[in-house]
PDB file of all heavy atoms in Angstrom:
ATOM      1  N   GLN A   1     -21.042  29.136  41.604  1.00  0.00           N
ATOM      2  CA  GLN A   1     -19.765  28.929  42.283  1.00  0.00           C
ATOM      3  C   GLN A   1     -18.619  29.581  41.510  1.00  0.00           C
ATOM      4  O   GLN A   1     -17.696  30.141  42.111  1.00  0.00           O
ATOM      5  CB  GLN A   1     -19.498  27.432  42.455  1.00  0.00           C
ATOM      6  CG  GLN A   1     -18.289  27.124  43.324  1.00  0.00           C
ATOM      7  CD  GLN A   1     -18.435  27.682  44.730  1.00  0.00           C
ATOM      8  OE1 GLN A   1     -19.402  27.391  45.426  1.00  0.00           O
ATOM      9  NE2 GLN A   1     -17.476  28.502  45.144  1.00  0.00           N
ATOM     10  N   HIS A   2     -18.698  29.551  40.192  1.00  0.00           N
ATOM     11  CA  HIS A   2     -17.675  30.193  39.369  1.00  0.00           C
ATOM     12  C   HIS A   2     -17.621  31.697  39.637  1.00  0.00           C
ATOM     13  O   HIS A   2     -16.533  32.276  39.761  1.00  0.00           O
ATOM     14  CB  HIS A   2     -17.954  29.933  37.891  1.00  0.00           C
ATOM     15  CG  HIS A   2     -17.040  30.674  36.960  1.00  0.00           C
ATOM     16  ND1 HIS A   2     -15.697  30.390  36.860  1.00  0.00           N
ATOM     17  CD2 HIS A   2     -17.280  31.715  36.100  1.00  0.00           C
ATOM     18  CE1 HIS A   2     -15.138  31.202  35.981  1.00  0.00           C
ATOM     19  NE2 HIS A   2     -16.071  32.016  35.508  1.00  0.00           N
ATOM     20  N   GLU A   3     -18.790  32.324  39.739  1.00  0.00           N
ATOM     21  CA  GLU A   3     -18.841  33.751  40.033  1.00  0.00           C
ATOM     22  C   GLU A   3     -18.234  34.042  41.407  1.00  0.00           C
ATOM     23  O   GLU A   3     -17.505  35.026  41.592  1.00  0.00           O
ATOM     24  CB  GLU A   3     -20.286  34.251  39.973  1.00  0.00           C
ATOM     25  CG  GLU A   3     -20.908  34.233  38.585  1.00  0.00           C
ATOM     26  CD  GLU A   3     -20.437  35.391  37.715  1.00  0.00           C
ATOM     27  OE1 GLU A   3     -20.176  36.478  38.250  1.00  0.00           O
ATOM     28  OE2 GLU A   3     -20.340  35.201  36.489  1.00  0.00           O
ATOM     29  N   LEU A   4     -18.526  33.177  42.389  1.00  0.00           N
ATOM     30  CA  LEU A   4     -17.945  33.339  43.721  1.00  0.00           C
ATOM     31  C   LEU A   4     -16.431  33.175  43.690  1.00  0.00           C
ATOM     32  O   LEU A   4     -15.701  33.878  44.395  1.00  0.00           O
ATOM     33  CB  LEU A   4     -18.557  32.317  44.689  1.00  0.00           C
ATOM     34  CG  LEU A   4     -19.985  32.586  45.158  1.00  0.00           C
ATOM     35  CD1 LEU A   4     -20.543  31.387  45.907  1.00  0.00           C
ATOM     36  CD2 LEU A   4     -20.028  33.826  46.054  1.00  0.00           C
ATOM     37  N   ASP A   5     -15.958  32.250  42.872  1.00  0.00           N
ATOM     38  CA  ASP A   5     -14.507  32.025  42.761  1.00  0.00           C
ATOM     39  C   ASP A   5     -13.790  33.245  42.188  1.00  0.00           C
ATOM     40  O   ASP A   5     -12.634  33.508  42.514  1.00  0.00           O
ATOM     41  CB  ASP A   5     -14.226  30.803  41.883  1.00  0.00           C
ATOM     42  CG  ASP A   5     -14.642  29.497  42.549  1.00  0.00           C
ATOM     43  OD1 ASP A   5     -14.872  29.497  43.774  1.00  0.00           O
ATOM     44  OD2 ASP A   5     -14.747  28.475  41.831  1.00  0.00           O
ATOM     45  N   LEU A   6     -14.481  33.999  41.329  1.00  0.00           N
ATOM     46  CA  LEU A   6     -13.885  35.200  40.753  1.00  0.00           C
ATOM     47  C   LEU A   6     -13.736  36.309  41.796  1.00  0.00           C
ATOM     48  O   LEU A   6     -12.904  37.198  41.658  1.00  0.00           O
ATOM     49  CB  LEU A   6     -14.739  35.714  39.588  1.00  0.00           C
ATOM     50  CG  LEU A   6     -14.812  34.825  38.349  1.00  0.00           C
ATOM     51  CD1 LEU A   6     -15.797  35.416  37.343  1.00  0.00           C
ATOM     52  CD2 LEU A   6     -13.446  34.652  37.712  1.00  0.00           C
ATOM     53  N   ARG A   7     -14.550  36.244  42.840  1.00  0.00           N
ATOM     54  CA  ARG A   7     -14.532  37.249  43.898  1.00  0.00           C
ATOM     55  C   ARG A   7     -13.696  36.836  45.114  1.00  0.00           C
ATOM     56  O   ARG A   7     -13.219  37.688  45.874  1.00  0.00           O
ATOM     57  CB  ARG A   7     -15.970  37.526  44.365  1.00  0.00           C
ATOM     58  CG  ARG A   7     -16.156  38.774  45.235  1.00  0.00           C
ATOM     59  CD  ARG A   7     -17.066  38.505  46.433  1.00  0.00           C
ATOM     60  NE  ARG A   7     -16.410  37.640  47.388  1.00  0.00           N
ATOM     61  CZ  ARG A   7     -15.732  38.083  48.452  1.00  0.00           C
ATOM     62  NH1 ARG A   7     -15.643  39.357  48.730  1.00  0.00           N
ATOM     63  NH2 ARG A   7     -15.133  37.221  49.278  1.00  0.00           N
ATOM     64  N   LYS A   8     -13.507  35.538  45.311  1.00  0.00           N
ATOM     65  CA  LYS A   8     -12.949  35.062  46.576  1.00  0.00           C
ATOM     66  C   LYS A   8     -11.511  35.543  46.805  1.00  0.00           C
ATOM     67  O   LYS A   8     -10.782  35.857  45.860  1.00  0.00           O
ATOM     68  CB  LYS A   8     -13.001  33.531  46.626  1.00  0.00           C
ATOM     69  CG  LYS A   8     -11.985  32.807  45.764  1.00  0.00           C
ATOM     70  CD  LYS A   8     -12.116  31.304  45.959  1.00  0.00           C
ATOM     71  CE  LYS A   8     -11.074  30.544  45.144  1.00  0.00           C
ATOM     72  NZ  LYS A   8     -11.187  29.088  45.338  1.00  0.00           N
ATOM     73  N   PRO A   9     -11.094  35.602  48.070  1.00  0.00           N
ATOM     74  CA  PRO A   9      -9.732  36.031  48.400  1.00  0.00           C
ATOM     75  C   PRO A   9      -8.712  34.940  48.092  1.00  0.00           C
ATOM     76  O   PRO A   9      -9.066  33.794  47.800  1.00  0.00           O
ATOM     77  CB  PRO A   9      -9.817  36.288  49.907  1.00  0.00           C
ATOM     78  CG  PRO A   9     -10.884  35.347  50.376  1.00  0.00           C
ATOM     79  CD  PRO A   9     -11.897  35.300  49.260  1.00  0.00           C
ATOM     80  N   GLY A  10      -7.444  35.318  48.137  1.00  0.00           N
ATOM     81  CA  GLY A  10      -6.361  34.348  48.010  1.00  0.00           C
ATOM     82  C   GLY A  10      -6.150  33.780  46.628  1.00  0.00           C
ATOM     83  O   GLY A  10      -5.486  32.750  46.472  1.00  0.00           O
ATOM     84  N   GLN A  11      -6.681  34.433  45.585  1.00  0.00           N
ATOM     85  CA  GLN A  11      -6.610  33.840  44.250  1.00  0.00           C
ATOM     86  C   GLN A  11      -5.410  34.284  43.437  1.00  0.00           C
ATOM     87  O   GLN A  11      -5.146  33.737  42.380  1.00  0.00           O
ATOM     88  CB  GLN A  11      -7.897  34.139  43.486  1.00  0.00           C
ATOM     89  CG  GLN A  11      -8.214  35.615  43.362  1.00  0.00           C
ATOM     90  CD  GLN A  11      -9.545  35.864  42.683  1.00  0.00           C
ATOM     91  OE1 GLN A  11      -9.638  35.815  41.469  1.00  0.00           O
ATOM     92  NE2 GLN A  11     -10.581  36.114  43.466  1.00  0.00           N
ATOM     93  N   SER A  12      -4.673  35.306  43.914  1.00  0.00           N
ATOM     94  CA  SER A  12      -3.484  35.747  43.187  1.00  0.00           C
ATOM     95  C   SER A  12      -2.561  36.509  44.119  1.00  0.00           C
ATOM     96  O   SER A  12      -2.915  36.814  45.266  1.00  0.00           O
ATOM     97  CB  SER A  12      -3.871  36.627  41.992  1.00  0.00           C
ATOM     98  OG  SER A  12      -4.189  37.933  42.425  1.00  0.00           O
ATOM     99  N   SER A  13      -1.399  36.881  43.602  1.00  0.00           N
ATOM    100  CA  SER A  13      -0.399  37.588  44.400  1.00  0.00           C
ATOM    101  C   SER A  13      -0.797  39.020  44.723  1.00  0.00           C
ATOM    102  O   SER A  13      -0.220  39.645  45.612  1.00  0.00           O
ATOM    103  CB  SER A  13       0.950  37.591  43.665  1.00  0.00           C
ATOM    104  OG  SER A  13       0.824  38.261  42.418  1.00  0.00           O
ATOM    105  N   ILE A  14      -1.786  39.568  44.007  1.00  0.00           N
ATOM    106  CA  ILE A  14      -2.155  40.968  44.233  1.00  0.00           C
ATOM    107  C   ILE A  14      -3.453  41.103  45.033  1.00  0.00           C
ATOM    108  O   ILE A  14      -3.998  42.196  45.166  1.00  0.00           O
ATOM    109  CB  ILE A  14      -2.281  41.749  42.907  1.00  0.00           C
ATOM    110  CG1 ILE A  14      -3.360  41.141  41.994  1.00  0.00           C
ATOM    111  CG2 ILE A  14      -0.952  41.806  42.181  1.00  0.00           C
ATOM    112  CD1 ILE A  14      -3.629  41.968  40.753  1.00  0.00           C
ATOM    113  N   THR A  15      -3.956  39.981  45.580  1.00  0.00           N
ATOM    114  CA  THR A  15      -5.157  40.036  46.416  1.00  0.00           C
ATOM    115  C   THR A  15      -4.816  39.564  47.824  1.00  0.00           C
ATOM    116  O   THR A  15      -3.752  38.998  48.073  1.00  0.00           O
ATOM    117  CB  THR A  15      -6.285  39.156  45.850  1.00  0.00           C
ATOM    118  OG1 THR A  15      -5.869  37.773  45.850  1.00  0.00           O
ATOM    119  CG2 THR A  15      -6.635  39.557  44.428  1.00  0.00           C
ATOM    120  N   THR A  16      -5.743  39.818  48.758  1.00  0.00           N
ATOM    121  CA  THR A  16      -5.557  39.358  50.127  1.00  0.00           C
ATOM    122  C   THR A  16      -5.323  37.851  50.156  1.00  0.00           C
ATOM    123  O   THR A  16      -5.918  37.092  49.373  1.00  0.00           O
ATOM    124  CB  THR A  16      -6.777  39.685  51.006  1.00  0.00           C
ATOM    125  OG1 THR A  16      -6.627  39.036  52.275  1.00  0.00           O
ATOM    126  CG2 THR A  16      -8.069  39.210  50.380  1.00  0.00           C
ATOM    127  N   GLN A  17      -4.490  37.393  51.080  1.00  0.00           N
ATOM    128  CA  GLN A  17      -4.170  35.968  51.153  1.00  0.00           C
ATOM    129  C   GLN A  17      -5.052  35.207  52.142  1.00  0.00           C
ATOM    130  O   GLN A  17      -4.736  34.068  52.517  1.00  0.00           O
ATOM    131  CB  GLN A  17      -2.688  35.803  51.518  1.00  0.00           C
ATOM    132  CG  GLN A  17      -1.748  36.291  50.414  1.00  0.00           C
ATOM    133  CD  GLN A  17      -2.070  35.694  49.053  1.00  0.00           C
ATOM    134  OE1 GLN A  17      -1.952  34.490  48.854  1.00  0.00           O
ATOM    135  NE2 GLN A  17      -2.495  36.541  48.111  1.00  0.00           N
ATOM    136  N   ARG A  18      -6.145  35.823  52.580  1.00  0.00           N
ATOM    137  CA  ARG A  18      -7.132  35.057  53.345  1.00  0.00           C
ATOM    138  C   ARG A  18      -7.603  33.907  52.472  1.00  0.00           C
ATOM    139  O   ARG A  18      -8.041  34.112  51.331  1.00  0.00           O
ATOM    140  CB  ARG A  18      -8.317  35.958  53.735  1.00  0.00           C
ATOM    141  CG  ARG A  18      -9.403  35.212  54.519  1.00  0.00           C
ATOM    142  CD  ARG A  18     -10.454  36.158  55.066  1.00  0.00           C
ATOM    143  NE  ARG A  18     -11.540  35.431  55.726  1.00  0.00           N
ATOM    144  CZ  ARG A  18     -12.513  35.994  56.441  1.00  0.00           C
ATOM    145  NH1 ARG A  18     -12.530  37.309  56.586  1.00  0.00           N
ATOM    146  NH2 ARG A  18     -13.455  35.266  57.007  1.00  0.00           N
ATOM    147  N   ASP A  19      -7.513  32.687  52.975  1.00  0.00           N
ATOM    148  CA  ASP A  19      -7.731  31.496  52.151  1.00  0.00           C
ATOM    149  C   ASP A  19      -9.112  30.893  52.408  1.00  0.00           C
ATOM    150  O   ASP A  19      -9.275  29.966  53.191  1.00  0.00           O
ATOM    151  CB  ASP A  19      -6.635  30.465  52.435  1.00  0.00           C
ATOM    152  CG  ASP A  19      -6.693  29.273  51.483  1.00  0.00           C
ATOM    153  OD1 ASP A  19      -7.346  29.402  50.436  1.00  0.00           O
ATOM    154  OD2 ASP A  19      -6.114  28.226  51.811  1.00  0.00           O
ATOM    155  N   GLU A  20     -10.117  31.445  51.743  1.00  0.00           N
ATOM    156  CA  GLU A  20     -11.485  30.929  51.857  1.00  0.00           C
ATOM    157  C   GLU A  20     -11.882  30.236  50.559  1.00  0.00           C
ATOM    158  O   GLU A  20     -11.598  30.742  49.475  1.00  0.00           O
ATOM    159  CB  GLU A  20     -12.462  32.084  52.128  1.00  0.00           C
ATOM    160  CG  GLU A  20     -12.244  32.810  53.450  1.00  0.00           C
ATOM    161  CD  GLU A  20     -12.850  32.080  54.634  1.00  0.00           C
ATOM    162  OE1 GLU A  20     -13.355  30.942  54.453  1.00  0.00           O
ATOM    163  OE2 GLU A  20     -12.813  32.645  55.736  1.00  0.00           O
ATOM    164  N   ASP A  21     -12.553  29.090  50.681  1.00  0.00           N
ATOM    165  CA  ASP A  21     -13.016  28.417  49.452  1.00  0.00           C
ATOM    166  C   ASP A  21     -14.358  28.970  48.984  1.00  0.00           C
ATOM    167  O   ASP A  21     -14.752  28.794  47.828  1.00  0.00           O
ATOM    168  CB  ASP A  21     -13.092  26.905  49.640  1.00  0.00           C
ATOM    169  CG  ASP A  21     -14.011  26.478  50.783  1.00  0.00           C
ATOM    170  OD1 ASP A  21     -14.757  27.334  51.307  1.00  0.00           O
ATOM    171  OD2 ASP A  21     -13.978  25.289  51.149  1.00  0.00           O
ATOM    172  N   ASP A  22     -15.078  29.645  49.880  1.00  0.00           N
ATOM    173  CA  ASP A  22     -16.348  30.307  49.538  1.00  0.00           C
ATOM    174  C   ASP A  22     -17.314  29.366  48.818  1.00  0.00           C
ATOM    175  O   ASP A  22     -17.904  29.711  47.785  1.00  0.00           O
ATOM    176  CB  ASP A  22     -16.088  31.557  48.688  1.00  0.00           C
ATOM    177  CG  ASP A  22     -15.537  32.718  49.503  1.00  0.00           C
ATOM    178  OD1 ASP A  22     -15.483  32.589  50.737  1.00  0.00           O
ATOM    179  OD2 ASP A  22     -15.154  33.735  48.908  1.00  0.00           O
ATOM    180  N   GLN A  23     -17.511  28.197  49.388  1.00  0.00           N
ATOM    181  CA  GLN A  23     -18.454  27.233  48.831  1.00  0.00           C
ATOM    182  C   GLN A  23     -19.880  27.574  49.247  1.00  0.00           C
ATOM    183  O   GLN A  23     -20.175  27.774  50.424  1.00  0.00           O
ATOM    184  CB  GLN A  23     -18.109  25.818  49.310  1.00  0.00           C
ATOM    185  CG  GLN A  23     -16.819  25.268  48.723  1.00  0.00           C
ATOM    186  CD  GLN A  23     -16.929  25.022  47.232  1.00  0.00           C
ATOM    187  OE1 GLN A  23     -17.899  24.423  46.752  1.00  0.00           O
ATOM    188  NE2 GLN A  23     -15.932  25.478  46.486  1.00  0.00           N
ATOM    189  N   ILE A  24     -20.771  27.635  48.287  1.00  0.00           N
ATOM    190  CA  ILE A  24     -22.158  27.989  48.561  1.00  0.00           C
ATOM    191  C   ILE A  24     -22.926  26.795  49.106  1.00  0.00           C
ATOM    192  O   ILE A  24     -22.752  25.659  48.658  1.00  0.00           O
ATOM    193  CB  ILE A  24     -22.858  28.550  47.302  1.00  0.00           C
ATOM    194  CG1 ILE A  24     -24.267  29.042  47.653  1.00  0.00           C
ATOM    195  CG2 ILE A  24     -22.887  27.529  46.174  1.00  0.00           C
ATOM    196  CD1 ILE A  24     -24.954  29.779  46.533  1.00  0.00           C
ATOM    197  N   GLU A  25     -23.761  27.037  50.105  1.00  0.00           N
ATOM    198  CA  GLU A  25     -24.673  26.033  50.651  1.00  0.00           C
ATOM    199  C   GLU A  25     -26.094  26.552  50.446  1.00  0.00           C
ATOM    200  O   GLU A  25     -26.461  27.593  50.980  1.00  0.00           O
ATOM    201  CB  GLU A  25     -24.422  25.823  52.148  1.00  0.00           C
ATOM    202  CG  GLU A  25     -23.045  25.295  52.494  1.00  0.00           C
ATOM    203  CD  GLU A  25     -22.845  25.170  54.002  1.00  0.00           C
ATOM    204  OE1 GLU A  25     -23.861  24.952  54.718  1.00  0.00           O
ATOM    205  OE2 GLU A  25     -21.702  25.311  54.464  1.00  0.00           O
ATOM    206  N   LEU A  26     -26.870  25.841  49.671  1.00  0.00           N
ATOM    207  CA  LEU A  26     -28.260  26.228  49.443  1.00  0.00           C
ATOM    208  C   LEU A  26     -29.139  25.646  50.540  1.00  0.00           C
ATOM    209  O   LEU A  26     -29.072  24.448  50.833  1.00  0.00           O
ATOM    210  CB  LEU A  26     -28.722  25.742  48.079  1.00  0.00           C
ATOM    211  CG  LEU A  26     -28.142  26.520  46.893  1.00  0.00           C
ATOM    212  CD1 LEU A  26     -28.456  25.810  45.592  1.00  0.00           C
ATOM    213  CD2 LEU A  26     -28.675  27.939  46.861  1.00  0.00           C
ATOM    214  N   VAL A  27     -29.958  26.488  51.147  1.00  0.00           N
ATOM    215  CA  VAL A  27     -30.789  26.074  52.272  1.00  0.00           C
ATOM    216  C   VAL A  27     -32.238  25.848  51.842  1.00  0.00           C
ATOM    217  O   VAL A  27     -32.918  24.966  52.346  1.00  0.00           O
ATOM    218  CB  VAL A  27     -30.732  27.130  53.396  1.00  0.00           C
ATOM    219  CG1 VAL A  27     -31.623  26.734  54.565  1.00  0.00           C
ATOM    220  CG2 VAL A  27     -29.292  27.320  53.871  1.00  0.00           C
ATOM    221  N   SER A  28     -32.712  26.654  50.883  1.00  0.00           N
ATOM    222  CA  SER A  28     -34.111  26.512  50.458  1.00  0.00           C
ATOM    223  C   SER A  28     -34.307  27.126  49.080  1.00  0.00           C
ATOM    224  O   SER A  28     -33.439  27.828  48.561  1.00  0.00           O
ATOM    225  CB  SER A  28     -35.037  27.222  51.457  1.00  0.00           C
ATOM    226  OG  SER A  28     -34.840  28.620  51.404  1.00  0.00           O
ATOM    227  N   GLY A  29     -35.481  26.839  48.493  1.00  0.00           N
ATOM    228  CA  GLY A  29     -35.902  27.511  47.278  1.00  0.00           C
ATOM    229  C   GLY A  29     -35.556  26.832  45.970  1.00  0.00           C
ATOM    230  O   GLY A  29     -36.007  27.276  44.906  1.00  0.00           O
ATOM    231  N   ILE A  30     -34.762  25.756  46.024  1.00  0.00           N
ATOM    232  CA  ILE A  30     -34.388  25.038  44.796  1.00  0.00           C
ATOM    233  C   ILE A  30     -34.631  23.549  45.011  1.00  0.00           C
ATOM    234  O   ILE A  30     -34.207  22.973  46.010  1.00  0.00           O
ATOM    235  CB  ILE A  30     -32.917  25.305  44.416  1.00  0.00           C
ATOM    236  CG1 ILE A  30     -32.721  26.798  44.111  1.00  0.00           C
ATOM    237  CG2 ILE A  30     -32.503  24.472  43.207  1.00  0.00           C
ATOM    238  CD1 ILE A  30     -31.293  27.193  43.821  1.00  0.00           C
ATOM    239  N   PHE A  31     -35.315  22.924  44.061  1.00  0.00           N
ATOM    240  CA  PHE A  31     -35.650  21.503  44.155  1.00  0.00           C
ATOM    241  C   PHE A  31     -35.422  20.837  42.806  1.00  0.00           C
ATOM    242  O   PHE A  31     -35.875  21.340  41.777  1.00  0.00           O
ATOM    243  CB  PHE A  31     -37.110  21.332  44.576  1.00  0.00           C
ATOM    244  CG  PHE A  31     -37.567  19.899  44.664  1.00  0.00           C
ATOM    245  CD1 PHE A  31     -37.036  19.042  45.614  1.00  0.00           C
ATOM    246  CD2 PHE A  31     -38.526  19.418  43.792  1.00  0.00           C
ATOM    247  CE1 PHE A  31     -37.460  17.716  45.695  1.00  0.00           C
ATOM    248  CE2 PHE A  31     -38.965  18.105  43.869  1.00  0.00           C
ATOM    249  CZ  PHE A  31     -38.426  17.248  44.823  1.00  0.00           C
ATOM    250  N   GLU A  32     -34.651  19.761  42.823  1.00  0.00           N
ATOM    251  CA  GLU A  32     -34.328  19.016  41.602  1.00  0.00           C
ATOM    252  C   GLU A  32     -33.764  19.937  40.521  1.00  0.00           C
ATOM    253  O   GLU A  32     -34.085  19.822  39.346  1.00  0.00           O
ATOM    254  CB  GLU A  32     -35.557  18.256  41.094  1.00  0.00           C
ATOM    255  CG  GLU A  32     -36.004  17.157  42.057  1.00  0.00           C
ATOM    256  CD  GLU A  32     -37.181  16.361  41.529  1.00  0.00           C
ATOM    257  OE1 GLU A  32     -37.883  16.848  40.608  1.00  0.00           O
ATOM    258  OE2 GLU A  32     -37.405  15.237  42.020  1.00  0.00           O
ATOM    259  N   GLY A  33     -32.927  20.874  40.973  1.00  0.00           N
ATOM    260  CA  GLY A  33     -32.211  21.744  40.039  1.00  0.00           C
ATOM    261  C   GLY A  33     -33.000  22.919  39.499  1.00  0.00           C
ATOM    262  O   GLY A  33     -32.499  23.646  38.634  1.00  0.00           O
ATOM    263  N   LYS A  34     -34.213  23.134  40.010  1.00  0.00           N
ATOM    264  CA  LYS A  34     -35.031  24.240  39.526  1.00  0.00           C
ATOM    265  C   LYS A  34     -35.538  25.102  40.675  1.00  0.00           C
ATOM    266  O   LYS A  34     -35.719  24.620  41.797  1.00  0.00           O
ATOM    267  CB  LYS A  34     -36.222  23.721  38.710  1.00  0.00           C
ATOM    268  CG  LYS A  34     -35.830  23.046  37.397  1.00  0.00           C
ATOM    269  CD  LYS A  34     -37.060  22.645  36.607  1.00  0.00           C
ATOM    270  CE  LYS A  34     -36.670  22.029  35.267  1.00  0.00           C
ATOM    271  NZ  LYS A  34     -37.862  21.661  34.467  1.00  0.00           N
ATOM    272  N   SER A  35     -35.765  26.380  40.379  1.00  0.00           N
ATOM    273  CA  SER A  35     -36.287  27.299  41.383  1.00  0.00           C
ATOM    274  C   SER A  35     -37.756  26.981  41.664  1.00  0.00           C
ATOM    275  O   SER A  35     -38.518  26.627  40.765  1.00  0.00           O
ATOM    276  CB  SER A  35     -36.148  28.745  40.905  1.00  0.00           C
ATOM    277  OG  SER A  35     -36.826  28.925  39.675  1.00  0.00           O
ATOM    278  N   LEU A  36     -38.124  27.112  42.935  1.00  0.00           N
ATOM    279  CA  LEU A  36     -39.494  26.798  43.337  1.00  0.00           C
ATOM    280  C   LEU A  36     -40.408  28.023  43.323  1.00  0.00           C
ATOM    281  O   LEU A  36     -41.627  27.893  43.440  1.00  0.00           O
ATOM    282  CB  LEU A  36     -39.493  26.202  44.749  1.00  0.00           C
ATOM    283  CG  LEU A  36     -38.925  24.792  44.887  1.00  0.00           C
ATOM    284  CD1 LEU A  36     -38.744  24.443  46.359  1.00  0.00           C
ATOM    285  CD2 LEU A  36     -39.841  23.782  44.206  1.00  0.00           C
ATOM    286  N   GLY A  37     -39.811  29.204  43.225  1.00  0.00           N
ATOM    287  CA  GLY A  37     -40.602  30.418  43.348  1.00  0.00           C
ATOM    288  C   GLY A  37     -40.718  30.869  44.788  1.00  0.00           C
ATOM    289  O   GLY A  37     -41.299  31.922  45.078  1.00  0.00           O
ATOM    290  N   THR A  38     -40.190  30.081  45.707  1.00  0.00           N
ATOM    291  CA  THR A  38     -40.151  30.418  47.129  1.00  0.00           C
ATOM    292  C   THR A  38     -38.803  31.071  47.448  1.00  0.00           C
ATOM    293  O   THR A  38     -37.891  31.062  46.615  1.00  0.00           O
ATOM    294  CB  THR A  38     -40.329  29.150  47.976  1.00  0.00           C
ATOM    295  OG1 THR A  38     -39.305  28.207  47.627  1.00  0.00           O
ATOM    296  CG2 THR A  38     -41.691  28.515  47.715  1.00  0.00           C
ATOM    297  N   PRO A  39     -38.650  31.653  48.646  1.00  0.00           N
ATOM    298  CA  PRO A  39     -37.374  32.297  48.977  1.00  0.00           C
ATOM    299  C   PRO A  39     -36.188  31.338  48.844  1.00  0.00           C
ATOM    300  O   PRO A  39     -36.235  30.202  49.321  1.00  0.00           O
ATOM    301  CB  PRO A  39     -37.568  32.744  50.428  1.00  0.00           C
ATOM    302  CG  PRO A  39     -39.040  32.970  50.548  1.00  0.00           C
ATOM    303  CD  PRO A  39     -39.668  31.891  49.708  1.00  0.00           C
ATOM    304  N   ILE A  40     -35.151  31.817  48.181  1.00  0.00           N
ATOM    305  CA  ILE A  40     -33.910  31.050  48.033  1.00  0.00           C
ATOM    306  C   ILE A  40     -32.945  31.536  49.112  1.00  0.00           C
ATOM    307  O   ILE A  40     -32.505  32.690  49.098  1.00  0.00           O
ATOM    308  CB  ILE A  40     -33.290  31.259  46.636  1.00  0.00           C
ATOM    309  CG1 ILE A  40     -34.248  30.749  45.552  1.00  0.00           C
ATOM    310  CG2 ILE A  40     -31.936  30.553  46.533  1.00  0.00           C
ATOM    311  CD1 ILE A  40     -33.797  31.067  44.129  1.00  0.00           C
ATOM    312  N   ALA A  41     -32.646  30.663  50.069  1.00  0.00           N
ATOM    313  CA  ALA A  41     -31.733  31.007  51.151  1.00  0.00           C
ATOM    314  C   ALA A  41     -30.410  30.279  50.945  1.00  0.00           C
ATOM    315  O   ALA A  41     -30.388  29.125  50.507  1.00  0.00           O
ATOM    316  CB  ALA A  41     -32.330  30.630  52.508  1.00  0.00           C
ATOM    317  N   PHE A  42     -29.311  30.943  51.269  1.00  0.00           N
ATOM    318  CA  PHE A  42     -27.997  30.339  51.055  1.00  0.00           C
ATOM    319  C   PHE A  42     -27.006  30.830  52.110  1.00  0.00           C
ATOM    320  O   PHE A  42     -27.201  31.879  52.748  1.00  0.00           O
ATOM    321  CB  PHE A  42     -27.473  30.687  49.654  1.00  0.00           C
ATOM    322  CG  PHE A  42     -27.307  32.162  49.411  1.00  0.00           C
ATOM    323  CD1 PHE A  42     -26.112  32.817  49.703  1.00  0.00           C
ATOM    324  CD2 PHE A  42     -28.344  32.921  48.883  1.00  0.00           C
ATOM    325  CE1 PHE A  42     -25.964  34.173  49.482  1.00  0.00           C
ATOM    326  CE2 PHE A  42     -28.203  34.285  48.664  1.00  0.00           C
ATOM    327  CZ  PHE A  42     -27.017  34.913  48.968  1.00  0.00           C
TER     328      PHE A  42
END
């Protein structure tokens, strides 16, 4: 999420003011905080 925040719009006066929070939603591939080795969808 930190990496996404560095890329997201609206973060300063010199970037686009589109106001997206860019929150990641994990759909598959991670269980109990660890990768399963299966496809990670987000």
